[in-house]
Amino acid sequence: MCSVGKIEKYVLHKAFEGYIPDEILWRQKEQFSDGVGYGWIDYLKKHAESAVTDERMAKAKTRFPVQTPSSKEEYYYRQIFDGFFSCPGAALTVPVGPTIACSTQRSSDGVKSLLKRLTRLVEVSKYIRTPPDIPLQHP
């Protein structure tokens, strides 16, 4: 959802001008799969499918009662995660559920909604007066 000649999420980038260095703010976004290649991602999915047995997957709720993996790929990564973070509450820090990857309809709808809100914020901000700088006085 790009305007002709403008970077993706232009309004969002514009809002952060002056706060983030230009070389970071205006760089082109790359999806993860574009950076590493789809072959690598497909390989990881296939590897997880063969590494996690149906029997293990059937017992996923018992092994992982909190944030239970819903696919073999999730199960595979969860095993690795739990190997590093054994605290029972650690799993609560990781979101689960369907992806909100850039290419999904859910993501597209979210971006459209955000752009509407940001556009409105920019429109309203024209009418907000900022107070003059007040020098700090030391006691």
Protein backbone atom coordinates (compact mmCIF):
# COMPACT_ATOMS: atom_id res chain seq x y z
CA MET A 1 0.00 0.00 0.00
CA CYS A 2 2.49 2.61 -1.21
CA SER A 3 1.73 5.92 -2.82
CA VAL A 4 3.53 6.40 -6.11
CA GLY A 5 7.05 7.62 -5.45
CA LYS A 6 6.80 7.36 -1.65
CA ILE A 7 8.34 4.87 0.74
CA GLU A 8 6.07 2.37 2.52
CA LYS A 9 4.44 3.85 5.63
CA TYR A 10 5.54 7.35 4.62
CA VAL A 11 3.37 9.05 7.25
CA LEU A 12 4.92 6.93 9.99
CA HIS A 13 8.44 7.71 8.79
CA LYS A 14 7.60 11.41 8.54
CA ALA A 15 6.29 11.42 12.12
CA PHE A 16 9.69 10.30 13.43
CA GLU A 17 11.80 12.79 11.46
CA GLY A 18 14.29 14.46 13.75
CA TYR A 19 14.05 11.66 16.32
CA ILE A 20 15.71 8.85 14.35
CA PRO A 21 18.80 9.27 12.12
CA ASP A 22 17.79 9.64 8.44
CA GLU A 23 19.89 6.66 7.31
CA ILE A 24 17.82 4.42 9.57
CA LEU A 25 14.47 6.19 9.23
CA TRP A 26 14.36 6.22 5.43
CA ARG A 27 16.04 2.89 4.64
CA GLN A 28 14.12 0.37 2.56
CA LYS A 29 12.29 -2.29 4.54
CA GLU A 30 13.08 -5.91 3.77
CA GLN A 31 10.88 -8.81 4.77
CA PHE A 32 12.72 -11.55 6.64
CA SER A 33 12.21 -14.03 3.82
CA ASP A 34 13.67 -11.57 1.29
CA GLY A 35 16.79 -11.22 3.38
CA VAL A 36 17.49 -14.92 3.88
CA GLY A 37 15.58 -16.49 0.98
CA TYR A 38 12.44 -18.61 0.95
CA GLY A 39 14.46 -21.80 0.55
CA TRP A 40 15.95 -21.39 4.00
CA ILE A 41 12.55 -20.76 5.60
CA ASP A 42 11.00 -23.72 3.77
CA TYR A 43 13.89 -25.89 4.93
CA LEU A 44 13.34 -24.88 8.58
CA LYS A 45 9.63 -25.73 8.34
CA LYS A 46 10.39 -29.10 6.75
CA HIS A 47 13.05 -29.84 9.36
CA ALA A 48 10.64 -29.05 12.21
CA GLU A 49 8.00 -31.33 10.65
CA SER A 50 10.44 -34.26 10.66
CA ALA A 51 12.04 -33.46 14.04
CA VAL A 52 8.78 -33.35 16.01
CA THR A 53 6.87 -36.62 15.97
CA ASP A 54 3.08 -36.88 15.91
CA GLU A 55 3.31 -38.52 19.35
CA ARG A 56 5.18 -35.52 20.77
CA MET A 57 2.72 -33.13 19.18
CA ALA A 58 -0.20 -35.03 20.71
CA LYS A 59 1.35 -34.46 24.15
CA ALA A 60 2.18 -30.78 23.55
CA LYS A 61 -0.43 -29.55 26.06
CA THR A 62 1.12 -31.71 28.78
CA ARG A 63 4.70 -30.66 28.03
CA PHE A 64 3.86 -26.99 27.43
CA PRO A 65 0.72 -26.14 29.45
CA VAL A 66 1.41 -22.40 29.05
CA GLN A 67 1.41 -20.97 25.50
CA THR A 68 1.00 -24.45 24.01
CA PRO A 69 2.48 -24.74 20.49
CA SER A 70 -0.16 -25.38 17.83
CA SER A 71 2.15 -26.67 15.09
CA LYS A 72 5.28 -28.79 14.84
CA GLU A 73 7.26 -25.73 13.86
CA GLU A 74 6.11 -23.87 16.99
CA TYR A 75 6.86 -26.96 19.07
CA TYR A 76 10.38 -27.20 17.64
CA TYR A 77 11.20 -23.56 18.41
CA ARG A 78 9.60 -23.84 21.85
CA GLN A 79 11.95 -26.70 22.75
CA ILE A 80 14.91 -24.49 21.89
CA PHE A 81 13.44 -21.53 23.80
CA ASP A 82 12.81 -23.60 26.92
CA GLY A 83 16.40 -24.88 26.75
CA PHE A 84 17.60 -21.32 27.33
CA PHE A 85 14.76 -19.94 29.45
CA SER A 86 13.61 -22.55 31.96
CA CYS A 87 11.60 -20.19 34.17
CA PRO A 88 7.91 -21.21 33.89
CA GLY A 89 6.81 -17.63 33.23
CA ALA A 90 9.27 -17.10 30.36
CA ALA A 91 6.83 -18.55 27.83
CA LEU A 92 4.38 -15.76 28.61
CA THR A 93 6.74 -13.30 26.95
CA VAL A 94 6.35 -14.96 23.55
CA PRO A 95 3.16 -14.35 21.53
CA VAL A 96 1.44 -17.36 20.01
CA GLY A 97 -1.16 -17.75 17.30
CA PRO A 98 -1.45 -16.99 13.62
CA THR A 99 1.25 -14.85 12.06
CA ILE A 100 0.73 -11.20 11.32
CA ALA A 101 3.34 -11.21 8.57
CA CYS A 102 3.48 -8.26 6.21
CA SER A 103 1.81 -10.24 3.45
CA THR A 104 -1.34 -11.21 5.38
CA GLN A 105 -4.71 -9.47 5.11
CA ARG A 106 -4.73 -8.90 8.88
CA SER A 107 -1.48 -6.96 8.62
CA SER A 108 -2.74 -4.96 5.66
CA ASP A 109 -5.91 -4.01 7.54
CA GLY A 110 -3.85 -2.98 10.57
CA VAL A 111 -1.59 -0.77 8.47
CA LYS A 112 -4.61 0.91 6.83
CA SER A 113 -6.13 1.60 10.25
CA LEU A 114 -2.84 2.97 11.60
CA LEU A 115 -2.40 5.23 8.57
CA LYS A 116 -5.90 6.66 9.05
CA ARG A 117 -5.16 7.41 12.71
CA LEU A 118 -1.75 8.92 11.96
CA THR A 119 -3.18 11.05 9.16
CA ARG A 120 -5.83 12.37 11.54
CA LEU A 121 -3.17 13.03 14.18
CA VAL A 122 -1.11 15.03 11.68
CA GLU A 123 -4.22 17.01 10.68
CA VAL A 124 -5.13 17.78 14.31
CA SER A 125 -1.55 18.64 15.29
CA LYS A 126 -1.66 21.69 12.99
CA TYR A 127 -3.97 23.33 15.51
CA ILE A 128 -1.96 22.59 18.64
CA ARG A 129 0.17 25.44 19.92
CA THR A 130 3.37 24.46 21.61
CA PRO A 131 4.44 26.46 24.66
CA PRO A 132 7.54 28.63 24.31
CA ASP A 133 10.76 27.20 25.68
CA ILE A 134 11.05 27.95 29.35
CA PRO A 135 14.65 28.17 30.59
CA LEU A 136 15.48 26.00 33.55
CA GLN A 137 16.16 27.95 36.73
CA HIS A 138 18.38 26.52 39.37
CA PRO A 139 17.41 27.21 43.03
